[in-house]
C-alpha atoms as a PDB file:
ATOM      1  CA  UNK A   1      14.825   4.004  27.762  1.00  0.00           C
ATOM      2  CA  UNK A   2      13.844   2.734  24.306  1.00  0.00           C
ATOM      3  CA  UNK A   3      12.073  -0.600  24.165  1.00  0.00           C
ATOM      4  CA  UNK A   4      13.816  -3.101  21.930  1.00  0.00           C
ATOM      5  CA  UNK A   5      11.498  -4.510  19.211  1.00  0.00           C
ATOM      6  CA  UNK A   6      10.749  -8.205  19.269  1.00  0.00           C
ATOM      7  CA  UNK A   7      13.127 -10.232  17.118  1.00  0.00           C
ATOM      8  CA  UNK A   8      10.447 -12.476  15.604  1.00  0.00           C
ATOM      9  CA  UNK A   9       7.025 -12.090  14.077  1.00  0.00           C
ATOM     10  CA  UNK A  10       4.446 -14.836  14.150  1.00  0.00           C
ATOM     11  CA  UNK A  11       1.550 -14.677  11.667  1.00  0.00           C
ATOM     12  CA  UNK A  12      -0.936 -13.189  14.170  1.00  0.00           C
ATOM     13  CA  UNK A  13       1.379 -10.332  15.149  1.00  0.00           C
ATOM     14  CA  UNK A  14       2.185  -9.673  11.476  1.00  0.00           C
ATOM     15  CA  UNK A  15      -1.515  -9.506  10.572  1.00  0.00           C
ATOM     16  CA  UNK A  16      -2.244  -7.074  13.408  1.00  0.00           C
ATOM     17  CA  UNK A  17       0.705  -4.905  12.346  1.00  0.00           C
ATOM     18  CA  UNK A  18      -0.787  -4.757   8.838  1.00  0.00           C
ATOM     19  CA  UNK A  19      -4.072  -3.467  10.249  1.00  0.00           C
ATOM     20  CA  UNK A  20      -2.293  -0.847  12.366  1.00  0.00           C
ATOM     21  CA  UNK A  21       0.045   0.306   9.580  1.00  0.00           C
ATOM     22  CA  UNK A  22      -2.861   0.787   7.171  1.00  0.00           C
ATOM     23  CA  UNK A  23      -5.334   2.741   9.325  1.00  0.00           C
ATOM     24  CA  UNK A  24      -4.236   2.556  12.946  1.00  0.00           C
ATOM     25  CA  UNK A  25      -3.683   5.185  15.616  1.00  0.00           C
ATOM     26  CA  UNK A  26      -1.867   4.628  18.910  1.00  0.00           C
ATOM     27  CA  UNK A  27      -2.574   6.817  21.914  1.00  0.00           C
ATOM     28  CA  UNK A  28      -2.317   6.900  25.696  1.00  0.00           C
ATOM     29  CA  UNK A  29      -4.739   9.167  27.559  1.00  0.00           C
ATOM     30  CA  UNK A  30      -5.196   9.254  31.355  1.00  0.00           C
ATOM     31  CA  UNK A  31      -3.514   5.889  31.691  1.00  0.00           C
ATOM     32  CA  UNK A  32      -5.671   4.214  29.028  1.00  0.00           C
ATOM     33  CA  UNK A  33      -3.560   2.712  26.263  1.00  0.00           C
ATOM     34  CA  UNK A  34      -5.562   2.588  23.053  1.00  0.00           C
ATOM     35  CA  UNK A  35      -5.112   1.361  19.478  1.00  0.00           C
ATOM     36  CA  UNK A  36      -7.872   2.433  17.079  1.00  0.00           C
ATOM     37  CA  UNK A  37      -8.140   0.855  13.626  1.00  0.00           C
ATOM     38  CA  UNK A  38     -10.509   2.261  11.018  1.00  0.00           C
ATOM     39  CA  UNK A  39     -12.166  -0.009   8.439  1.00  0.00           C
ATOM     40  CA  UNK A  40     -13.403   2.630   5.967  1.00  0.00           C
ATOM     41  CA  UNK A  41     -15.862   2.279   3.118  1.00  0.00           C
ATOM     42  CA  UNK A  42     -16.546   5.033   0.599  1.00  0.00           C
ATOM     43  CA  UNK A  43     -19.580   3.254  -0.806  1.00  0.00           C
ATOM     44  CA  UNK A  44     -22.171   1.167   1.021  1.00  0.00           C
ATOM     45  CA  UNK A  45     -21.826  -1.560  -1.607  1.00  0.00           C
ATOM     46  CA  UNK A  46     -18.762  -3.125  -3.204  1.00  0.00           C
ATOM     47  CA  UNK A  47     -19.391  -4.208  -6.780  1.00  0.00           C
ATOM     48  CA  UNK A  48     -17.665  -7.010  -8.617  1.00  0.00           C
ATOM     49  CA  UNK A  49     -18.515  -8.254 -12.084  1.00  0.00           C
ATOM     50  CA  UNK A  50     -21.905  -9.591 -10.954  1.00  0.00           C
ATOM     51  CA  UNK A  51     -21.755  -9.441  -7.161  1.00  0.00           C
ATOM     52  CA  UNK A  52     -23.026  -6.511  -5.093  1.00  0.00           C
ATOM     53  CA  UNK A  53     -22.222  -6.790  -1.390  1.00  0.00           C
ATOM     54  CA  UNK A  54     -23.183  -4.456   1.480  1.00  0.00           C
ATOM     55  CA  UNK A  55     -19.822  -3.599   3.022  1.00  0.00           C
ATOM     56  CA  UNK A  56     -20.769  -2.479   6.513  1.00  0.00           C
ATOM     57  CA  UNK A  57     -22.511  -5.755   7.408  1.00  0.00           C
ATOM     58  CA  UNK A  58     -19.689  -7.859   6.020  1.00  0.00           C
ATOM     59  CA  UNK A  59     -16.987  -5.840   7.803  1.00  0.00           C
ATOM     60  CA  UNK A  60     -18.764  -6.401  11.118  1.00  0.00           C
ATOM     61  CA  UNK A  61     -18.978 -10.136  10.470  1.00  0.00           C
ATOM     62  CA  UNK A  62     -15.311 -10.410   9.480  1.00  0.00           C
ATOM     63  CA  UNK A  63     -14.233  -8.311  12.462  1.00  0.00           C
ATOM     64  CA  UNK A  64     -15.280 -11.143  14.774  1.00  0.00           C
ATOM     65  CA  UNK A  65     -12.429 -13.226  13.374  1.00  0.00           C
ATOM     66  CA  UNK A  66      -9.963 -10.356  13.697  1.00  0.00           C
ATOM     67  CA  UNK A  67     -11.015  -9.838  17.315  1.00  0.00           C
ATOM     68  CA  UNK A  68     -10.482 -13.524  18.048  1.00  0.00           C
ATOM     69  CA  UNK A  69      -6.945 -13.317  16.633  1.00  0.00           C
ATOM     70  CA  UNK A  70      -6.061 -10.246  18.685  1.00  0.00           C
ATOM     71  CA  UNK A  71      -7.473 -11.816  21.842  1.00  0.00           C
ATOM     72  CA  UNK A  72      -5.059 -14.689  21.315  1.00  0.00           C
ATOM     73  CA  UNK A  73      -2.199 -12.182  21.356  1.00  0.00           C
ATOM     74  CA  UNK A  74      -3.034 -10.051  24.378  1.00  0.00           C
ATOM     75  CA  UNK A  75      -5.244  -9.530  27.398  1.00  0.00           C
ATOM     76  CA  UNK A  76      -7.070  -6.417  26.195  1.00  0.00           C
ATOM     77  CA  UNK A  77     -10.566  -4.997  25.981  1.00  0.00           C
ATOM     78  CA  UNK A  78     -11.931  -4.793  22.446  1.00  0.00           C
ATOM     79  CA  UNK A  79     -15.009  -3.130  21.009  1.00  0.00           C
ATOM     80  CA  UNK A  80     -16.473  -2.073  17.690  1.00  0.00           C
ATOM     81  CA  UNK A  81     -17.829   1.348  16.885  1.00  0.00           C
ATOM     82  CA  UNK A  82     -20.024   1.959  13.842  1.00  0.00           C
ATOM     83  CA  UNK A  83     -19.923   5.294  12.029  1.00  0.00           C
ATOM     84  CA  UNK A  84     -21.348   6.575   8.760  1.00  0.00           C
ATOM     85  CA  UNK A  85     -18.344   5.797   6.540  1.00  0.00           C
ATOM     86  CA  UNK A  86     -16.478   3.221   8.539  1.00  0.00           C
ATOM     87  CA  UNK A  87     -16.304   0.669  11.326  1.00  0.00           C
ATOM     88  CA  UNK A  88     -13.706   1.119  14.066  1.00  0.00           C
ATOM     89  CA  UNK A  89     -11.943  -1.601  16.041  1.00  0.00           C
ATOM     90  CA  UNK A  90     -10.795  -0.208  19.405  1.00  0.00           C
ATOM     91  CA  UNK A  91      -8.247  -2.072  21.518  1.00  0.00           C
ATOM     92  CA  UNK A  92      -7.769  -0.788  25.080  1.00  0.00           C
ATOM     93  CA  UNK A  93      -5.778  -1.712  28.167  1.00  0.00           C
ATOM     94  CA  UNK A  94      -4.694  -0.094  31.420  1.00  0.00           C
ATOM     95  CA  UNK A  95      -1.655  -2.360  31.652  1.00  0.00           C
ATOM     96  CA  UNK A  96       1.796  -1.713  30.226  1.00  0.00           C
ATOM     97  CA  UNK A  97       1.886  -5.197  28.744  1.00  0.00           C
ATOM     98  CA  UNK A  98       4.614  -6.709  26.604  1.00  0.00           C
ATOM     99  CA  UNK A  99       2.153  -6.677  23.690  1.00  0.00           C
ATOM    100  CA  UNK A 100       1.594  -2.912  24.045  1.00  0.00           C
ATOM    101  CA  UNK A 101       5.325  -2.223  24.359  1.00  0.00           C
ATOM    102  CA  UNK A 102       6.167  -4.406  21.372  1.00  0.00           C
ATOM    103  CA  UNK A 103       3.593  -2.717  19.119  1.00  0.00           C
ATOM    104  CA  UNK A 104       4.882   0.729  20.102  1.00  0.00           C
ATOM    105  CA  UNK A 105       8.465  -0.378  19.501  1.00  0.00           C
ATOM    106  CA  UNK A 106       7.673  -1.943  16.130  1.00  0.00           C
ATOM    107  CA  UNK A 107       5.944   1.276  15.048  1.00  0.00           C
ATOM    108  CA  UNK A 108       9.045   3.204  16.191  1.00  0.00           C
ATOM    109  CA  UNK A 109       7.110   5.341  18.671  1.00  0.00           C
ATOM    110  CA  UNK A 110       4.957   6.906  15.942  1.00  0.00           C
ATOM    111  CA  UNK A 111       1.265   7.348  16.592  1.00  0.00           C
ATOM    112  CA  UNK A 112      -0.647   7.475  13.289  1.00  0.00           C
ATOM    113  CA  UNK A 113      -1.011   5.823   9.895  1.00  0.00           C
ATOM    114  CA  UNK A 114      -0.258   9.251   8.435  1.00  0.00           C
ATOM    115  CA  UNK A 115       3.378   8.654   9.431  1.00  0.00           C
ATOM    116  CA  UNK A 116       3.797   4.894   9.988  1.00  0.00           C
ATOM    117  CA  UNK A 117       6.466   2.988   8.092  1.00  0.00           C
ATOM    118  CA  UNK A 118       6.185  -0.660   7.145  1.00  0.00           C
ATOM    119  CA  UNK A 119       8.106  -2.085  10.145  1.00  0.00           C
ATOM    120  CA  UNK A 120      11.618  -3.082   8.982  1.00  0.00           C
ATOM    121  CA  UNK A 121      11.208  -6.428  10.779  1.00  0.00           C
ATOM    122  CA  UNK A 122       8.558  -7.410   8.224  1.00  0.00           C
ATOM    123  CA  UNK A 123      11.143  -7.548   5.429  1.00  0.00           C
ATOM    124  CA  UNK A 124      13.124 -10.195   7.330  1.00  0.00           C
ATOM    125  CA  UNK A 125      10.150 -12.104   8.710  1.00  0.00           C
ATOM    126  CA  UNK A 126       9.689 -14.716   5.975  1.00  0.00           C
ATOM    127  CA  UNK A 127       6.975 -15.234   3.373  1.00  0.00           C
ATOM    128  CA  UNK A 128       4.195 -16.435   5.714  1.00  0.00           C
ATOM    129  CA  UNK A 129       4.440 -13.403   8.004  1.00  0.00           C
ATOM    130  CA  UNK A 130       4.877 -11.049   5.048  1.00  0.00           C
ATOM    131  CA  UNK A 131       1.663 -12.313   3.457  1.00  0.00           C
ATOM    132  CA  UNK A 132      -0.172 -11.974   6.769  1.00  0.00           C
ATOM    133  CA  UNK A 133       1.009  -8.372   7.100  1.00  0.00           C
ATOM    134  CA  UNK A 134      -0.144  -7.577   3.571  1.00  0.00           C
ATOM    135  CA  UNK A 135      -3.521  -9.263   4.170  1.00  0.00           C
ATOM    136  CA  UNK A 136      -3.975  -7.144   7.281  1.00  0.00           C
ATOM    137  CA  UNK A 137      -3.118  -4.015   5.322  1.00  0.00           C
ATOM    138  CA  UNK A 138      -5.449  -4.981   2.465  1.00  0.00           C
ATOM    139  CA  UNK A 139      -8.338  -5.939   4.775  1.00  0.00           C
ATOM    140  CA  UNK A 140      -8.354  -2.329   5.929  1.00  0.00           C
ATOM    141  CA  UNK A 141      -7.057  -0.291   2.968  1.00  0.00           C
ATOM    142  CA  UNK A 142      -7.447  -2.570  -0.054  1.00  0.00           C
ATOM    143  CA  UNK A 143     -10.282  -2.788  -2.560  1.00  0.00           C
ATOM    144  CA  UNK A 144     -11.259  -5.276  -5.254  1.00  0.00           C
ATOM    145  CA  UNK A 145     -13.854  -3.712  -7.549  1.00  0.00           C
ATOM    146  CA  UNK A 146     -15.025  -4.065 -11.128  1.00  0.00           C
ATOM    147  CA  UNK A 147     -14.373  -0.319 -11.452  1.00  0.00           C
ATOM    148  CA  UNK A 148     -10.637  -0.881 -10.805  1.00  0.00           C
ATOM    149  CA  UNK A 149      -9.935  -2.105 -14.359  1.00  0.00           C
ATOM    150  CA  UNK A 150      -7.069  -0.713 -16.416  1.00  0.00           C
ATOM    151  CA  UNK A 151      -7.584   0.730 -19.909  1.00  0.00           C
ATOM    152  CA  UNK A 152      -7.412  -2.756 -21.458  1.00  0.00           C
ATOM    153  CA  UNK A 153     -10.116  -4.044 -19.104  1.00  0.00           C
ATOM    154  CA  UNK A 154      -7.926  -6.105 -16.776  1.00  0.00           C
ATOM    155  CA  UNK A 155      -9.223  -6.113 -13.204  1.00  0.00           C
ATOM    156  CA  UNK A 156      -7.053  -4.853 -10.354  1.00  0.00           C
ATOM    157  CA  UNK A 157      -6.804  -4.523  -6.591  1.00  0.00           C
ATOM    158  CA  UNK A 158      -6.014  -1.086  -5.175  1.00  0.00           C
ATOM    159  CA  UNK A 159      -4.098  -0.509  -1.949  1.00  0.00           C
ATOM    160  CA  UNK A 160      -4.742   3.014  -0.644  1.00  0.00           C
ATOM    161  CA  UNK A 161      -2.156   5.054   1.288  1.00  0.00           C
ATOM    162  CA  UNK A 162      -3.153   8.443   2.699  1.00  0.00           C
ATOM    163  CA  UNK A 163      -1.518  11.317   0.807  1.00  0.00           C
ATOM    164  CA  UNK A 164       0.658  12.730   3.638  1.00  0.00           C
ATOM    165  CA  UNK A 165       2.511   9.396   3.910  1.00  0.00           C
ATOM    166  CA  UNK A 166       4.956   9.325   0.985  1.00  0.00           C
ATOM    167  CA  UNK A 167       7.155   6.533   2.389  1.00  0.00           C
ATOM    168  CA  UNK A 168       4.627   3.733   2.484  1.00  0.00           C
ATOM    169  CA  UNK A 169       4.088   3.324  -1.296  1.00  0.00           C
ATOM    170  CA  UNK A 170       7.697   2.394  -2.048  1.00  0.00           C
ATOM    171  CA  UNK A 171       7.945   0.301   1.143  1.00  0.00           C
ATOM    172  CA  UNK A 172       4.822  -1.679   0.251  1.00  0.00           C
ATOM    173  CA  UNK A 173       5.984  -1.979  -3.353  1.00  0.00           C
ATOM    174  CA  UNK A 174       9.281  -3.434  -2.132  1.00  0.00           C
ATOM    175  CA  UNK A 175       7.399  -5.940   0.038  1.00  0.00           C
ATOM    176  CA  UNK A 176       5.067  -6.937  -2.803  1.00  0.00           C
ATOM    177  CA  UNK A 177       7.560  -7.116  -5.670  1.00  0.00           C
ATOM    178  CA  UNK A 178      10.913  -7.944  -4.112  1.00  0.00           C
ATOM    179  CA  UNK A 179       9.847 -10.083  -1.150  1.00  0.00           C
ATOM    180  CA  UNK A 180       6.631 -11.763  -2.359  1.00  0.00           C
ATOM    181  CA  UNK A 181       7.515 -11.703  -6.087  1.00  0.00           C
ATOM    182  CA  UNK A 182       4.147 -10.248  -7.102  1.00  0.00           C
ATOM    183  CA  UNK A 183       4.315  -7.635  -9.890  1.00  0.00           C
ATOM    184  CA  UNK A 184       2.871  -4.170  -9.303  1.00  0.00           C
ATOM    185  CA  UNK A 185       1.053  -2.752 -12.318  1.00  0.00           C
ATOM    186  CA  UNK A 186       1.533   0.898 -11.363  1.00  0.00           C
ATOM    187  CA  UNK A 187       1.499   3.383  -8.481  1.00  0.00           C
ATOM    188  CA  UNK A 188      -0.716   6.441  -8.761  1.00  0.00           C
ATOM    189  CA  UNK A 189       0.817   8.973  -6.403  1.00  0.00           C
ATOM    190  CA  UNK A 190      -1.138  11.878  -4.940  1.00  0.00           C
ATOM    191  CA  UNK A 191       0.897  14.242  -7.116  1.00  0.00           C
ATOM    192  CA  UNK A 192      -0.465  16.856  -9.572  1.00  0.00           C
ATOM    193  CA  UNK A 193       1.394  15.361 -12.560  1.00  0.00           C
ATOM    194  CA  UNK A 194      -0.287  11.982 -11.973  1.00  0.00           C
ATOM    195  CA  UNK A 195      -3.671  12.955 -10.528  1.00  0.00           C
ATOM    196  CA  UNK A 196      -4.308  15.942 -12.794  1.00  0.00           C
ATOM    197  CA  UNK A 197      -1.961  15.377 -15.757  1.00  0.00           C
ATOM    198  CA  UNK A 198      -3.869  17.634 -18.186  1.00  0.00           C
ATOM    199  CA  UNK A 199      -4.766  20.319 -15.599  1.00  0.00           C
ATOM    200  CA  UNK A 200      -8.518  19.698 -16.005  1.00  0.00           C
ATOM    201  CA  UNK A 201      -9.282  19.927 -12.294  1.00  0.00           C
ATOM    202  CA  UNK A 202      -6.959  22.885 -11.829  1.00  0.00           C
ATOM    203  CA  UNK A 203      -8.662  24.830 -14.618  1.00  0.00           C
ATOM    204  CA  UNK A 204     -12.058  23.942 -13.136  1.00  0.00           C
ATOM    205  CA  UNK A 205     -11.053  25.661  -9.887  1.00  0.00           C
ATOM    206  CA  UNK A 206     -10.310  22.468  -7.923  1.00  0.00           C
ATOM    207  CA  UNK A 207      -6.654  23.379  -7.448  1.00  0.00           C
ATOM    208  CA  UNK A 208      -5.890  20.887  -4.655  1.00  0.00           C
ATOM    209  CA  UNK A 209      -8.008  18.010  -5.983  1.00  0.00           C
ATOM    210  CA  UNK A 210      -4.815  16.079  -6.833  1.00  0.00           C
ATOM    211  CA  UNK A 211      -3.815  15.889  -3.140  1.00  0.00           C
ATOM    212  CA  UNK A 212      -5.597  12.621  -2.413  1.00  0.00           C
ATOM    213  CA  UNK A 213      -4.530   9.073  -1.593  1.00  0.00           C
ATOM    214  CA  UNK A 214      -1.700   7.199  -3.286  1.00  0.00           C
ATOM    215  CA  UNK A 215      -2.767   3.884  -4.848  1.00  0.00           C
ATOM    216  CA  UNK A 216      -0.713   0.769  -5.520  1.00  0.00           C
ATOM    217  CA  UNK A 217      -2.431  -1.192  -8.291  1.00  0.00           C
ATOM    218  CA  UNK A 218      -2.022  -4.970  -8.634  1.00  0.00           C
ATOM    219  CA  UNK A 219      -3.836  -7.297 -11.029  1.00  0.00           C
ATOM    220  CA  UNK A 220      -6.517  -9.383  -9.317  1.00  0.00           C
ATOM    221  CA  UNK A 221      -5.146 -12.757 -10.401  1.00  0.00           C
ATOM    222  CA  UNK A 222      -1.717 -11.830  -9.017  1.00  0.00           C
ATOM    223  CA  UNK A 223      -3.094 -10.531  -5.709  1.00  0.00           C
ATOM    224  CA  UNK A 224      -5.034 -13.776  -5.264  1.00  0.00           C
ATOM    225  CA  UNK A 225      -1.699 -15.223  -4.037  1.00  0.00           C
ATOM    226  CA  UNK A 226      -2.204 -13.048  -0.941  1.00  0.00           C
ATOM    227  CA  UNK A 227      -5.954 -12.449  -0.787  1.00  0.00           C
ATOM    228  CA  UNK A 228      -8.180 -10.972   1.913  1.00  0.00           C
ATOM    229  CA  UNK A 229      -9.578 -12.268   5.189  1.00  0.00           C
ATOM    230  CA  UNK A 230     -12.499  -9.864   4.761  1.00  0.00           C
ATOM    231  CA  UNK A 231     -14.911 -12.335   3.159  1.00  0.00           C
ATOM    232  CA  UNK A 232     -16.756  -9.833   0.920  1.00  0.00           C
ATOM    233  CA  UNK A 233     -13.466  -8.548  -0.530  1.00  0.00           C
ATOM    234  CA  UNK A 234     -12.237 -12.105  -1.099  1.00  0.00           C
ATOM    235  CA  UNK A 235     -15.463 -13.049  -2.930  1.00  0.00           C
ATOM    236  CA  UNK A 236     -15.096 -10.158  -5.350  1.00  0.00           C
ATOM    237  CA  UNK A 237     -11.349 -10.790  -5.747  1.00  0.00           C
ATOM    238  CA  UNK A 238     -11.966 -14.392  -6.787  1.00  0.00           C
ATOM    239  CA  UNK A 239     -14.627 -13.315  -9.280  1.00  0.00           C
ATOM    240  CA  UNK A 240     -12.344 -10.692 -10.845  1.00  0.00           C
ATOM    241  CA  UNK A 241      -9.367 -13.066 -10.864  1.00  0.00           C
ATOM    242  CA  UNK A 242     -11.435 -15.659 -12.761  1.00  0.00           C
ATOM    243  CA  UNK A 243     -12.422 -12.957 -15.244  1.00  0.00           C
ATOM    244  CA  UNK A 244      -8.776 -11.997 -15.885  1.00  0.00           C
ATOM    245  CA  UNK A 245      -7.799 -15.631 -16.430  1.00  0.00           C
ATOM    246  CA  UNK A 246     -10.730 -16.268 -18.765  1.00  0.00           C
ATOM    247  CA  UNK A 247      -9.778 -13.252 -20.882  1.00  0.00           C
ATOM    248  CA  UNK A 248      -6.186 -14.544 -21.246  1.00  0.00           C
ATOM    249  CA  UNK A 249      -4.570 -11.160 -20.701  1.00  0.00           C
ATOM    250  CA  UNK A 250      -0.807 -10.913 -21.006  1.00  0.00           C
ATOM    251  CA  UNK A 251       1.060 -11.751 -17.802  1.00  0.00           C
ATOM    252  CA  UNK A 252       1.940  -8.790 -15.596  1.00  0.00           C
ATOM    253  CA  UNK A 253       5.512  -7.537 -15.677  1.00  0.00           C
ATOM    254  CA  UNK A 254       7.624  -6.354 -12.783  1.00  0.00           C
ATOM    255  CA  UNK A 255       8.392  -2.646 -12.640  1.00  0.00           C
ATOM    256  CA  UNK A 256      11.354  -1.789 -14.841  1.00  0.00           C
ATOM    257  CA  UNK A 257      12.100   1.857 -15.732  1.00  0.00           C
ATOM    258  CA  UNK A 258      11.825   2.376 -19.510  1.00  0.00           C
ATOM    259  CA  UNK A 259      14.883   3.397 -21.502  1.00  0.00           C
ATOM    260  CA  UNK A 260      13.090   6.474 -22.777  1.00  0.00           C
ATOM    261  CA  UNK A 261       9.846   8.380 -22.253  1.00  0.00           C
ATOM    262  CA  UNK A 262       7.088   7.078 -24.477  1.00  0.00           C
ATOM    263  CA  UNK A 263       4.608   9.505 -26.005  1.00  0.00           C
ATOM    264  CA  UNK A 264       4.026  13.169 -25.306  1.00  0.00           C
ATOM    265  CA  UNK A 265       5.238  14.574 -21.998  1.00  0.00           C
ATOM    266  CA  UNK A 266       2.808  16.078 -19.495  1.00  0.00           C
ATOM    267  CA  UNK A 267       2.417  19.855 -19.172  1.00  0.00           C
ATOM    268  CA  UNK A 268       3.880  21.732 -16.216  1.00  0.00           C
ATOM    269  CA  UNK A 269       1.372  21.876 -13.363  1.00  0.00           C
ATOM    270  CA  UNK A 270       1.215  25.049 -11.200  1.00  0.00           C
ATOM    271  CA  UNK A 271       0.896  22.875  -8.073  1.00  0.00           C
ATOM    272  CA  UNK A 272       4.293  21.171  -8.535  1.00  0.00           C
ATOM    273  CA  UNK A 273       5.680  23.491  -5.822  1.00  0.00           C
ATOM    274  CA  UNK A 274       2.842  22.886  -3.334  1.00  0.00           C
ATOM    275  CA  UNK A 275       3.684  22.565   0.374  1.00  0.00           C
ATOM    276  CA  UNK A 276       1.594  19.380   0.349  1.00  0.00           C
ATOM    277  CA  UNK A 277       4.450  17.680  -1.507  1.00  0.00           C
ATOM    278  CA  UNK A 278       7.507  16.358   0.372  1.00  0.00           C
ATOM    279  CA  UNK A 279      10.820  18.076  -0.246  1.00  0.00           C
ATOM    280  CA  UNK A 280      12.113  15.106  -2.264  1.00  0.00           C
ATOM    281  CA  UNK A 281       9.626  15.770  -5.067  1.00  0.00           C
ATOM    282  CA  UNK A 282       8.582  19.387  -4.506  1.00  0.00           C
ATOM    283  CA  UNK A 283       9.391  21.680  -7.429  1.00  0.00           C
ATOM    284  CA  UNK A 284      10.021  18.779  -9.822  1.00  0.00           C
ATOM    285  CA  UNK A 285       8.111  17.713 -12.913  1.00  0.00           C
ATOM    286  CA  UNK A 286       7.206  14.070 -13.584  1.00  0.00           C
ATOM    287  CA  UNK A 287       5.926  12.167 -16.585  1.00  0.00           C
ATOM    288  CA  UNK A 288       5.781   8.738 -14.959  1.00  0.00           C
ATOM    289  CA  UNK A 289       5.241   7.201 -11.513  1.00  0.00           C
ATOM    290  CA  UNK A 290       8.636   5.473 -11.479  1.00  0.00           C
ATOM    291  CA  UNK A 291      10.358   8.884 -11.674  1.00  0.00           C
ATOM    292  CA  UNK A 292       8.711   9.734  -8.350  1.00  0.00           C
ATOM    293  CA  UNK A 293       9.737   6.331  -6.965  1.00  0.00           C
ATOM    294  CA  UNK A 294      13.328   7.156  -7.926  1.00  0.00           C
ATOM    295  CA  UNK A 295      13.358  10.461  -6.050  1.00  0.00           C
ATOM    296  CA  UNK A 296      11.765   8.834  -3.007  1.00  0.00           C
ATOM    297  CA  UNK A 297      14.646   6.346  -2.787  1.00  0.00           C
ATOM    298  CA  UNK A 298      13.249   3.262  -4.534  1.00  0.00           C
ATOM    299  CA  UNK A 299      15.716   0.384  -4.076  1.00  0.00           C
ATOM    300  CA  UNK A 300      14.537  -1.346  -7.252  1.00  0.00           C
ATOM    301  CA  UNK A 301      15.416   1.770  -9.282  1.00  0.00           C
ATOM    302  CA  UNK A 302      18.812   2.062  -7.588  1.00  0.00           C
ATOM    303  CA  UNK A 303      19.597  -1.568  -8.433  1.00  0.00           C
ATOM    304  CA  UNK A 304      18.451  -0.957 -12.002  1.00  0.00           C
ATOM    305  CA  UNK A 305      20.829   2.009 -12.337  1.00  0.00           C
ATOM    306  CA  UNK A 306      23.706  -0.031 -10.904  1.00  0.00           C
ATOM    307  CA  UNK A 307      23.061  -2.849 -13.374  1.00  0.00           C
ATOM    308  CA  UNK A 308      22.991  -0.380 -16.279  1.00  0.00           C
ATOM    309  CA  UNK A 309      26.218   1.260 -15.098  1.00  0.00           C
ATOM    310  CA  UNK A 310      27.906  -2.141 -14.868  1.00  0.00           C
ATOM    311  CA  UNK A 311      26.746  -3.002 -18.380  1.00  0.00           C
ATOM    312  CA  UNK A 312      28.044   0.336 -19.729  1.00  0.00           C
ATOM    313  CA  UNK A 313      31.443  -0.093 -18.034  1.00  0.00           C
ATOM    314  CA  UNK A 314      31.685  -3.645 -19.341  1.00  0.00           C
ATOM    315  CA  UNK A 315      31.043  -2.503 -22.915  1.00  0.00           C
ATOM    316  CA  UNK A 316      33.427   0.477 -22.774  1.00  0.00           C
ATOM    317  CA  UNK A 317      36.246  -1.586 -21.249  1.00  0.00           C
ATOM    318  CA  UNK A 318      36.251  -4.025 -24.156  1.00  0.00           C
ATOM    319  CA  UNK A 319      39.322  -3.444 -26.261  1.00  0.00           C
ATOM    320  CA  UNK A 320      38.665  -2.758 -29.940  1.00  0.00           C
ATOM    321  CA  UNK A 321      39.826  -5.471 -32.295  1.00  0.00           C
ATOM    322  CA  UNK A 322      43.172  -4.770 -33.928  1.00  0.00           C
ATOM    323  CA  UNK A 323      43.099  -4.332 -37.683  1.00  0.00           C
ATOM    324  CA  UNK A 324      44.961  -7.032 -39.534  1.00  0.00           C
END
């Protein structure tokens, strides 16, 4: 019998779901029901414009607040586990509680962030819960760094999605742009045309180097509307947001597919047929991220096409003026 998902989401549940969706794993072994959430860090320090903060220490401090929130939700045992490149939050219970059943139902019975969807209930949950979900996701898988600037020098936040999960980028983009009205600068998919557009890594013998995380990139001053609960990430975000505002960069624009390809197209990459690509994009060539979004079922692109078709039909249906 399938458990019916809860029909509401309060802010605490939404935040926890964000943590789980980003880097969570759900398992049941010998009667022990366990949710493990990884808080990874590639570098020991996170660097802003002037700030340098030791990540591991700050993650441990911020985890205390996350633990307090989860304890308000459920009667569970919680512990932290420190490893070389990450801190793990482990939630365990022997009981088949309503909390455990609801989390499993909301994640549709899936067990890992490699396959999790953004729960459909989030899209109907309202702005407060949607922001809490995104904060949870960003606390685990988001980064605000000085190194995240675009080619014009404007600072950005990156949200990382592991490469095998090709559904999450468009789902998160829909949540960010369509629900929260925050523009996304770009999405760098783990695809050879985007990660190795000039075949440099391929020619250097690193043939699969492109198969790494997808990244949603949002300007720091726009992401400040959501922010982080991880204090060290929030400190750097505020610094980078102030920098963007001081520089008076142009306002970010919402994703809108261009009418034509600008500039020179990218060369064919031998890895375009790789088994590491999902069937929707395997064997296809791309010059822009939004072309991948289209083939993955992006709703924004579908609406754009519908609007263009309506405009075309409207123009063609107009009767020509009769000559006098």
